[in-house]
Amino acid sequence: MSHSPIHSVFLVSACLVGLCTRYDAAVKANQECRIFLQNHIFIPVCPEQLGGMPTPRPAADIINGTGHDVLQGSSRVCTKAGEDVTASFIAGAKEVLKIAHAQNIQGICLKAGSPSCAVSGITGVTAALLEQNSFKLYEF
């Protein structure tokens, strides 16, 4: 009886693997991320969709802070038109964290520049929550 090799399991921002989850509904798979994941099992997640937001949706940014500040209640996430979508961003981050805890995750691949997922620059809300829970994050 042959055994399959054991693969690592990663969560990945769904937009990075070409799913239609970006705020503008554009499909832009990230080839570098797809190569990174090619020998692994991966579970696509979109924190903004998991937080109840539609696709497409208005672009949003963290105002005067980072994802850590949003989680602490000292900063907000707002659309360009000024709509406060903080609750949806926090809800989505919590859903991603539940999925990460439910699986034996080796790491999480996140979208650069996203108010949910950015790891460098202004840390996104989901990235901040995952960092606080000691998950290994990769940014693409």
Protein backbone atom coordinates (compact mmCIF):
# COMPACT_ATOMS: atom_id res chain seq x y z
CA MET A 1 0.00 0.00 0.00
CA SER A 2 1.50 3.32 -1.02
CA HIS A 3 1.08 6.44 1.02
CA SER A 4 0.63 9.91 -0.43
CA PRO A 5 3.18 12.46 0.66
CA ILE A 6 2.02 14.66 3.51
CA HIS A 7 1.32 18.16 2.25
CA SER A 8 1.36 21.35 4.24
CA VAL A 9 -1.93 23.23 4.49
CA PHE A 10 -2.05 26.97 3.88
CA LEU A 11 -4.79 29.55 3.94
CA VAL A 12 -4.55 31.99 1.04
CA SER A 13 -6.27 35.25 0.13
CA ALA A 14 -8.77 34.01 -2.47
CA CYS A 15 -7.92 36.84 -4.89
CA LEU A 16 -4.31 35.59 -5.08
CA VAL A 17 -5.40 32.29 -6.64
CA GLY A 18 -7.67 33.95 -9.19
CA LEU A 19 -11.07 33.85 -7.49
CA CYS A 20 -13.42 36.78 -8.07
CA THR A 21 -13.19 38.27 -4.58
CA ARG A 22 -11.35 41.58 -5.11
CA TYR A 23 -13.25 44.74 -4.21
CA ASP A 24 -13.43 45.67 -7.93
CA ALA A 25 -14.32 42.10 -9.04
CA ALA A 26 -11.16 41.95 -11.18
CA VAL A 27 -9.54 38.52 -11.46
CA LYS A 28 -5.80 38.90 -10.96
CA ALA A 29 -4.13 35.71 -9.82
CA ASN A 30 -0.64 36.12 -8.40
CA GLN A 31 1.73 33.77 -10.25
CA GLU A 32 4.41 33.92 -7.52
CA CYS A 33 1.85 32.85 -4.91
CA ARG A 34 0.50 30.06 -7.12
CA ILE A 35 4.05 28.71 -7.59
CA PHE A 36 4.64 28.93 -3.82
CA LEU A 37 1.47 26.88 -3.17
CA GLN A 38 1.81 24.35 -6.03
CA ASN A 39 2.91 21.43 -3.82
CA HIS A 40 0.63 22.26 -0.90
CA ILE A 41 -3.01 22.04 0.01
CA PHE A 42 -4.54 25.49 0.24
CA ILE A 43 -7.83 26.90 1.44
CA PRO A 44 -8.89 30.18 -0.22
CA VAL A 45 -10.47 32.76 2.07
CA CYS A 46 -11.68 36.34 1.57
CA PRO A 47 -12.07 38.17 4.87
CA GLU A 48 -14.20 40.90 3.34
CA GLN A 49 -16.66 38.40 1.85
CA LEU A 50 -16.63 36.37 5.08
CA GLY A 51 -17.49 39.61 6.88
CA GLY A 52 -20.61 39.95 4.75
CA MET A 53 -19.43 42.41 2.11
CA PRO A 54 -20.43 41.96 -1.55
CA THR A 55 -18.21 41.72 -4.64
CA PRO A 56 -17.80 44.19 -6.15
CA ARG A 57 -17.74 46.60 -3.20
CA PRO A 58 -16.44 50.13 -2.62
CA ALA A 59 -12.70 50.35 -1.97
CA ALA A 60 -11.92 50.92 1.71
CA ASP A 61 -8.93 52.05 3.75
CA ILE A 62 -7.86 52.05 7.36
CA ILE A 63 -8.11 55.64 8.62
CA ASN A 64 -5.20 56.97 10.74
CA GLY A 65 -3.83 53.68 11.97
CA THR A 66 -3.22 50.01 11.26
CA GLY A 67 -5.19 46.79 11.55
CA HIS A 68 -3.91 46.51 15.14
CA ASP A 69 -5.46 49.92 15.90
CA VAL A 70 -8.75 48.84 14.30
CA LEU A 71 -8.84 45.73 16.51
CA GLN A 72 -8.17 47.90 19.58
CA GLY A 73 -10.99 50.27 18.62
CA SER A 74 -8.76 53.31 18.03
CA SER A 75 -9.03 53.35 14.21
CA ARG A 76 -11.77 52.65 11.64
CA VAL A 77 -12.07 51.20 8.15
CA CYS A 78 -14.02 53.47 5.80
CA THR A 79 -14.90 53.55 2.11
CA LYS A 80 -13.86 56.48 -0.08
CA ALA A 81 -17.44 57.81 0.37
CA GLY A 82 -16.99 57.75 4.15
CA GLU A 83 -19.08 54.66 4.98
CA ASP A 84 -17.76 52.95 8.11
CA VAL A 85 -17.21 49.25 7.30
CA THR A 86 -15.11 48.47 10.38
CA ALA A 87 -17.57 45.88 11.75
CA SER A 88 -17.46 43.87 8.50
CA PHE A 89 -13.65 43.91 8.44
CA ILE A 90 -13.42 42.72 12.05
CA ALA A 91 -16.11 40.05 11.52
CA GLY A 92 -14.27 38.74 8.45
CA ALA A 93 -10.94 38.66 10.29
CA LYS A 94 -12.54 36.60 13.07
CA GLU A 95 -13.98 34.14 10.53
CA VAL A 96 -10.55 33.66 8.91
CA LEU A 97 -9.06 33.09 12.38
CA LYS A 98 -11.71 30.41 13.08
CA ILE A 99 -10.81 28.64 9.82
CA ALA A 100 -7.09 28.87 10.62
CA HIS A 101 -7.66 27.36 14.08
CA ALA A 102 -9.88 24.60 12.63
CA GLN A 103 -7.11 23.37 10.30
CA ASN A 104 -3.48 22.42 10.85
CA ILE A 105 -2.24 25.53 9.05
CA GLN A 106 1.48 25.84 8.22
CA GLY A 107 1.13 29.44 7.07
CA ILE A 108 -1.14 32.02 5.51
CA CYS A 109 -0.54 33.76 2.18
CA LEU A 110 -2.00 37.26 2.14
CA LYS A 111 -2.56 40.03 -0.42
CA ALA A 112 -0.18 43.00 -0.21
CA GLY A 113 -1.74 46.45 0.00
CA SER A 114 -5.13 45.22 1.24
CA PRO A 115 -6.86 46.86 4.24
CA SER A 116 -7.69 43.29 5.34
CA CYS A 117 -4.60 41.33 4.38
CA ALA A 118 -1.50 43.57 4.07
CA VAL A 119 1.42 42.36 6.18
CA SER A 120 3.93 45.12 5.34
CA GLY A 121 3.26 48.85 5.31
CA ILE A 122 -0.12 49.49 6.96
CA THR A 123 -0.98 46.09 8.45
CA GLY A 124 -4.48 44.94 7.49
CA VAL A 125 -7.16 43.97 10.01
CA THR A 126 -7.04 40.22 9.25
CA ALA A 127 -3.24 40.17 9.11
CA ALA A 128 -3.10 41.91 12.51
CA LEU A 129 -5.45 39.37 14.10
CA LEU A 130 -3.52 36.45 12.62
CA GLU A 131 -0.20 37.97 13.80
CA GLN A 132 -1.63 38.32 17.31
CA ASN A 133 -2.42 34.60 17.17
CA SER A 134 1.13 33.68 16.07
CA PHE A 135 0.37 32.41 12.56
CA LYS A 136 3.19 32.51 9.99
CA LEU A 137 2.25 35.07 7.34
CA TYR A 138 3.53 35.38 3.76
CA GLU A 139 2.70 38.40 1.61
CA PHE A 140 2.22 38.44 -2.16
